[in-house]
Amino acid sequence: ETEMFGLYALSGRAVSFAGPLLLA
């Protein structure tokens, strides 16, 4: 579970730069 929620965070953050940078 923790590993998968870690991957859940990774997947979100792996592209998290896209939203703020696209907006900027």
PDB file of all heavy atoms in Angstrom:
ATOM      1  N   GLU A   1       0.806  -1.213   0.000  1.00  0.00           N
ATOM      2  CA  GLU A   1       0.000   0.000   0.000  1.00  0.00           C
ATOM      3  C   GLU A   1       0.847   1.274   0.000  1.00  0.00           C
ATOM      4  O   GLU A   1       0.566   2.208  -0.755  1.00  0.00           O
ATOM      5  CB  GLU A   1      -0.948   0.007   1.209  1.00  0.00           C
ATOM      6  CG  GLU A   1      -2.033  -1.062   1.152  1.00  0.00           C
ATOM      7  CD  GLU A   1      -1.604  -2.364   1.777  1.00  0.00           C
ATOM      8  OE1 GLU A   1      -0.414  -2.495   2.124  1.00  0.00           O
ATOM      9  OE2 GLU A   1      -2.456  -3.268   1.926  1.00  0.00           O
ATOM     10  N   THR A   2       1.868   1.334   0.869  1.00  0.00           N
ATOM     11  CA  THR A   2       2.657   2.567   0.953  1.00  0.00           C
ATOM     12  C   THR A   2       3.458   2.786  -0.317  1.00  0.00           C
ATOM     13  O   THR A   2       3.590   3.911  -0.805  1.00  0.00           O
ATOM     14  CB  THR A   2       3.603   2.523   2.164  1.00  0.00           C
ATOM     15  OG1 THR A   2       2.908   2.006   3.306  1.00  0.00           O
ATOM     16  CG2 THR A   2       4.115   3.920   2.497  1.00  0.00           C
ATOM     17  N   GLU A   3       3.997   1.693  -0.867  1.00  0.00           N
ATOM     18  CA  GLU A   3       4.727   1.810  -2.127  1.00  0.00           C
ATOM     19  C   GLU A   3       3.807   2.315  -3.229  1.00  0.00           C
ATOM     20  O   GLU A   3       4.193   3.174  -4.032  1.00  0.00           O
ATOM     21  CB  GLU A   3       5.319   0.458  -2.520  1.00  0.00           C
ATOM     22  CG  GLU A   3       6.085   0.484  -3.842  1.00  0.00           C
ATOM     23  CD  GLU A   3       6.645  -0.873  -4.236  1.00  0.00           C
ATOM     24  OE1 GLU A   3       6.675  -1.775  -3.386  1.00  0.00           O
ATOM     25  OE2 GLU A   3       7.048  -1.020  -5.409  1.00  0.00           O
ATOM     26  N   MET A   4       2.577   1.780  -3.273  1.00  0.00           N
ATOM     27  CA  MET A   4       1.644   2.188  -4.313  1.00  0.00           C
ATOM     28  C   MET A   4       1.197   3.641  -4.128  1.00  0.00           C
ATOM     29  O   MET A   4       1.052   4.387  -5.100  1.00  0.00           O
ATOM     30  CB  MET A   4       0.424   1.258  -4.340  1.00  0.00           C
ATOM     31  CG  MET A   4       0.733  -0.106  -4.915  1.00  0.00           C
ATOM     32  SD  MET A   4       1.251   0.036  -6.657  1.00  0.00           S
ATOM     33  CE  MET A   4       2.179  -1.486  -6.868  1.00  0.00           C
ATOM     34  N   PHE A   5       0.984   4.049  -2.869  1.00  0.00           N
ATOM     35  CA  PHE A   5       0.655   5.447  -2.649  1.00  0.00           C
ATOM     36  C   PHE A   5       1.859   6.340  -2.920  1.00  0.00           C
ATOM     37  O   PHE A   5       1.716   7.518  -3.279  1.00  0.00           O
ATOM     38  CB  PHE A   5       0.115   5.675  -1.234  1.00  0.00           C
ATOM     39  CG  PHE A   5      -1.384   5.517  -1.140  1.00  0.00           C
ATOM     40  CD1 PHE A   5      -1.949   4.377  -0.595  1.00  0.00           C
ATOM     41  CD2 PHE A   5      -2.224   6.502  -1.631  1.00  0.00           C
ATOM     42  CE1 PHE A   5      -3.327   4.220  -0.517  1.00  0.00           C
ATOM     43  CE2 PHE A   5      -3.608   6.356  -1.567  1.00  0.00           C
ATOM     44  CZ  PHE A   5      -4.166   5.212  -1.008  1.00  0.00           C
ATOM     45  N   GLY A   6       3.070   5.779  -2.767  1.00  0.00           N
ATOM     46  CA  GLY A   6       4.256   6.509  -3.177  1.00  0.00           C
ATOM     47  C   GLY A   6       4.285   6.696  -4.675  1.00  0.00           C
ATOM     48  O   GLY A   6       4.612   7.777  -5.184  1.00  0.00           O
ATOM     49  N   LEU A   7       3.931   5.632  -5.413  1.00  0.00           N
ATOM     50  CA  LEU A   7       3.838   5.748  -6.871  1.00  0.00           C
ATOM     51  C   LEU A   7       2.698   6.679  -7.276  1.00  0.00           C
ATOM     52  O   LEU A   7       2.778   7.374  -8.293  1.00  0.00           O
ATOM     53  CB  LEU A   7       3.641   4.363  -7.496  1.00  0.00           C
ATOM     54  CG  LEU A   7       4.840   3.414  -7.396  1.00  0.00           C
ATOM     55  CD1 LEU A   7       4.455   2.016  -7.875  1.00  0.00           C
ATOM     56  CD2 LEU A   7       6.009   3.950  -8.215  1.00  0.00           C
ATOM     57  N   TYR A   8       1.634   6.682  -6.469  1.00  0.00           N
ATOM     58  CA  TYR A   8       0.519   7.603  -6.696  1.00  0.00           C
ATOM     59  C   TYR A   8       1.005   9.047  -6.594  1.00  0.00           C
ATOM     60  O   TYR A   8       0.666   9.898  -7.428  1.00  0.00           O
ATOM     61  CB  TYR A   8      -0.566   7.312  -5.657  1.00  0.00           C
ATOM     62  CG  TYR A   8      -1.861   8.072  -5.803  1.00  0.00           C
ATOM     63  CD1 TYR A   8      -2.638   7.953  -6.958  1.00  0.00           C
ATOM     64  CD2 TYR A   8      -2.342   8.877  -4.766  1.00  0.00           C
ATOM     65  CE1 TYR A   8      -3.849   8.625  -7.075  1.00  0.00           C
ATOM     66  CE2 TYR A   8      -3.553   9.539  -4.875  1.00  0.00           C
ATOM     67  CZ  TYR A   8      -4.300   9.414  -6.031  1.00  0.00           C
ATOM     68  OH  TYR A   8      -5.501  10.075  -6.143  1.00  0.00           O
ATOM     69  N   ALA A   9       1.833   9.295  -5.554  1.00  0.00           N
ATOM     70  CA  ALA A   9       2.415  10.631  -5.422  1.00  0.00           C
ATOM     71  C   ALA A   9       3.396  10.909  -6.547  1.00  0.00           C
ATOM     72  O   ALA A   9       3.444  12.017  -7.093  1.00  0.00           O
ATOM     73  CB  ALA A   9       3.110  10.764  -4.063  1.00  0.00           C
ATOM     74  N   LEU A  10       4.199   9.902  -6.903  1.00  0.00           N
ATOM     75  CA  LEU A  10       5.170  10.078  -7.991  1.00  0.00           C
ATOM     76  C   LEU A  10       4.464  10.428  -9.288  1.00  0.00           C
ATOM     77  O   LEU A  10       4.864  11.347  -9.998  1.00  0.00           O
ATOM     78  CB  LEU A  10       6.006   8.812  -8.168  1.00  0.00           C
ATOM     79  CG  LEU A  10       7.070   8.838  -9.281  1.00  0.00           C
ATOM     80  CD1 LEU A  10       8.234   7.919  -8.917  1.00  0.00           C
ATOM     81  CD2 LEU A  10       6.507   8.402 -10.636  1.00  0.00           C
ATOM     82  N   SER A  11       3.427   9.666  -9.617  1.00  0.00           N
ATOM     83  CA  SER A  11       2.734   9.906 -10.887  1.00  0.00           C
ATOM     84  C   SER A  11       2.146  11.300 -10.927  1.00  0.00           C
ATOM     85  O   SER A  11       2.172  11.976 -11.965  1.00  0.00           O
ATOM     86  CB  SER A  11       1.631   8.855 -11.094  1.00  0.00           C
ATOM     87  OG  SER A  11       0.626   8.973 -10.097  1.00  0.00           O
ATOM     88  N   GLY A  12       1.610  11.743  -9.770  1.00  0.00           N
ATOM     89  CA  GLY A  12       1.068  13.094  -9.738  1.00  0.00           C
ATOM     90  C   GLY A  12       2.153  14.139  -9.855  1.00  0.00           C
ATOM     91  O   GLY A  12       2.029  15.113 -10.594  1.00  0.00           O
ATOM     92  N   ARG A  13       3.252  13.905  -9.145  1.00  0.00           N
ATOM     93  CA  ARG A  13       4.322  14.888  -9.142  1.00  0.00           C
ATOM     94  C   ARG A  13       5.217  14.784 -10.369  1.00  0.00           C
ATOM     95  O   ARG A  13       5.902  15.736 -10.717  1.00  0.00           O
ATOM     96  CB  ARG A  13       5.154  14.728  -7.861  1.00  0.00           C
ATOM     97  CG  ARG A  13       4.406  15.170  -6.612  1.00  0.00           C
ATOM     98  CD  ARG A  13       3.870  16.571  -6.781  1.00  0.00           C
ATOM     99  NE  ARG A  13       3.101  17.023  -5.640  1.00  0.00           N
ATOM    100  CZ  ARG A  13       2.526  18.206  -5.552  1.00  0.00           C
ATOM    101  NH1 ARG A  13       2.629  19.061  -6.566  1.00  0.00           N
ATOM    102  NH2 ARG A  13       1.841  18.559  -4.490  1.00  0.00           N
ATOM    103  N   ALA A  14       5.234  13.631 -11.005  1.00  0.00           N
ATOM    104  CA  ALA A  14       6.051  13.495 -12.209  1.00  0.00           C
ATOM    105  C   ALA A  14       5.588  14.442 -13.302  1.00  0.00           C
ATOM    106  O   ALA A  14       6.378  14.876 -14.143  1.00  0.00           O
ATOM    107  CB  ALA A  14       6.016  12.055 -12.722  1.00  0.00           C
ATOM    108  N   VAL A  15       4.302  14.751 -13.274  1.00  0.00           N
ATOM    109  CA  VAL A  15       3.777  15.712 -14.254  1.00  0.00           C
ATOM    110  C   VAL A  15       3.359  17.017 -13.586  1.00  0.00           C
ATOM    111  O   VAL A  15       2.829  17.907 -14.247  1.00  0.00           O
ATOM    112  CB  VAL A  15       2.574  15.118 -15.026  1.00  0.00           C
ATOM    113  CG1 VAL A  15       2.970  13.867 -15.765  1.00  0.00           C
ATOM    114  CG2 VAL A  15       1.400  14.837 -14.088  1.00  0.00           C
ATOM    115  N   SER A  16       3.616  17.130 -12.253  1.00  0.00           N
ATOM    116  CA  SER A  16       3.118  18.303 -11.534  1.00  0.00           C
ATOM    117  C   SER A  16       3.770  19.595 -11.986  1.00  0.00           C
ATOM    118  O   SER A  16       3.212  20.676 -11.804  1.00  0.00           O
ATOM    119  CB  SER A  16       3.339  18.128 -10.023  1.00  0.00           C
ATOM    120  OG  SER A  16       4.719  18.097  -9.724  1.00  0.00           O
ATOM    121  N   PHE A  17       4.961  19.471 -12.564  1.00  0.00           N
ATOM    122  CA  PHE A  17       5.597  20.672 -13.089  1.00  0.00           C
ATOM    123  C   PHE A  17       4.845  21.206 -14.312  1.00  0.00           C
ATOM    124  O   PHE A  17       4.925  22.382 -14.635  1.00  0.00           O
ATOM    125  CB  PHE A  17       7.047  20.367 -13.488  1.00  0.00           C
ATOM    126  CG  PHE A  17       7.168  19.416 -14.649  1.00  0.00           C
ATOM    127  CD1 PHE A  17       7.238  19.884 -15.938  1.00  0.00           C
ATOM    128  CD2 PHE A  17       7.207  18.046 -14.433  1.00  0.00           C
ATOM    129  CE1 PHE A  17       7.342  19.014 -17.015  1.00  0.00           C
ATOM    130  CE2 PHE A  17       7.308  17.170 -15.500  1.00  0.00           C
ATOM    131  CZ  PHE A  17       7.376  17.650 -16.792  1.00  0.00           C
ATOM    132  N   ALA A  18       4.098  20.296 -14.984  1.00  0.00           N
ATOM    133  CA  ALA A  18       3.444  20.679 -16.237  1.00  0.00           C
ATOM    134  C   ALA A  18       2.375  21.748 -16.001  1.00  0.00           C
ATOM    135  O   ALA A  18       2.331  22.763 -16.703  1.00  0.00           O
ATOM    136  CB  ALA A  18       2.834  19.454 -16.900  1.00  0.00           C
ATOM    137  N   GLY A  19       1.504  21.509 -15.011  1.00  0.00           N
ATOM    138  CA  GLY A  19       0.434  22.464 -14.760  1.00  0.00           C
ATOM    139  C   GLY A  19       0.937  23.851 -14.413  1.00  0.00           C
ATOM    140  O   GLY A  19       0.589  24.832 -15.078  1.00  0.00           O
ATOM    141  N   PRO A  20       1.770  23.984 -13.352  1.00  0.00           N
ATOM    142  CA  PRO A  20       2.285  25.319 -13.018  1.00  0.00           C
ATOM    143  C   PRO A  20       3.106  25.958 -14.135  1.00  0.00           C
ATOM    144  O   PRO A  20       3.000  27.164 -14.378  1.00  0.00           O
ATOM    145  CB  PRO A  20       3.154  25.054 -11.779  1.00  0.00           C
ATOM    146  CG  PRO A  20       2.569  23.826 -11.168  1.00  0.00           C
ATOM    147  CD  PRO A  20       2.117  22.991 -12.330  1.00  0.00           C
ATOM    148  N   LEU A  21       3.940  25.159 -14.826  1.00  0.00           N
ATOM    149  CA  LEU A  21       4.761  25.736 -15.883  1.00  0.00           C
ATOM    150  C   LEU A  21       3.921  26.134 -17.101  1.00  0.00           C
ATOM    151  O   LEU A  21       4.169  27.173 -17.717  1.00  0.00           O
ATOM    152  CB  LEU A  21       5.868  24.755 -16.293  1.00  0.00           C
ATOM    153  CG  LEU A  21       7.012  24.590 -15.300  1.00  0.00           C
ATOM    154  CD1 LEU A  21       8.073  23.664 -15.858  1.00  0.00           C
ATOM    155  CD2 LEU A  21       7.633  25.934 -14.939  1.00  0.00           C
ATOM    156  N   LEU A  22       2.925  25.295 -17.433  1.00  0.00           N
ATOM    157  CA  LEU A  22       2.017  25.668 -18.522  1.00  0.00           C
ATOM    158  C   LEU A  22       1.268  26.952 -18.176  1.00  0.00           C
ATOM    159  O   LEU A  22       1.118  27.849 -19.013  1.00  0.00           O
ATOM    160  CB  LEU A  22       1.019  24.540 -18.797  1.00  0.00           C
ATOM    161  CG  LEU A  22       1.492  23.394 -19.688  1.00  0.00           C
ATOM    162  CD1 LEU A  22       0.440  22.294 -19.709  1.00  0.00           C
ATOM    163  CD2 LEU A  22       1.780  23.888 -21.099  1.00  0.00           C
ATOM    164  N   LEU A  23       0.806  27.025 -16.927  1.00  0.00           N
ATOM    165  CA  LEU A  23       0.091  28.222 -16.497  1.00  0.00           C
ATOM    166  C   LEU A  23       1.014  29.440 -16.528  1.00  0.00           C
ATOM    167  O   LEU A  23       0.624  30.516 -17.003  1.00  0.00           O
ATOM    168  CB  LEU A  23      -0.477  28.005 -15.097  1.00  0.00           C
ATOM    169  CG  LEU A  23      -1.335  29.132 -14.532  1.00  0.00           C
ATOM    170  CD1 LEU A  23      -2.466  28.569 -13.683  1.00  0.00           C
ATOM    171  CD2 LEU A  23      -0.506  30.108 -13.694  1.00  0.00           C
ATOM    172  N   ALA A  24       2.246  29.266 -16.032  1.00  0.00           N
ATOM    173  CA  ALA A  24       3.193  30.382 -16.025  1.00  0.00           C
ATOM    174  C   ALA A  24       3.524  30.815 -17.452  1.00  0.00           C
ATOM    175  O   ALA A  24       3.576  32.019 -17.753  1.00  0.00           O
ATOM    176  CB  ALA A  24       4.469  29.973 -15.288  1.00  0.00           C
TER     177      ALA A  24
END
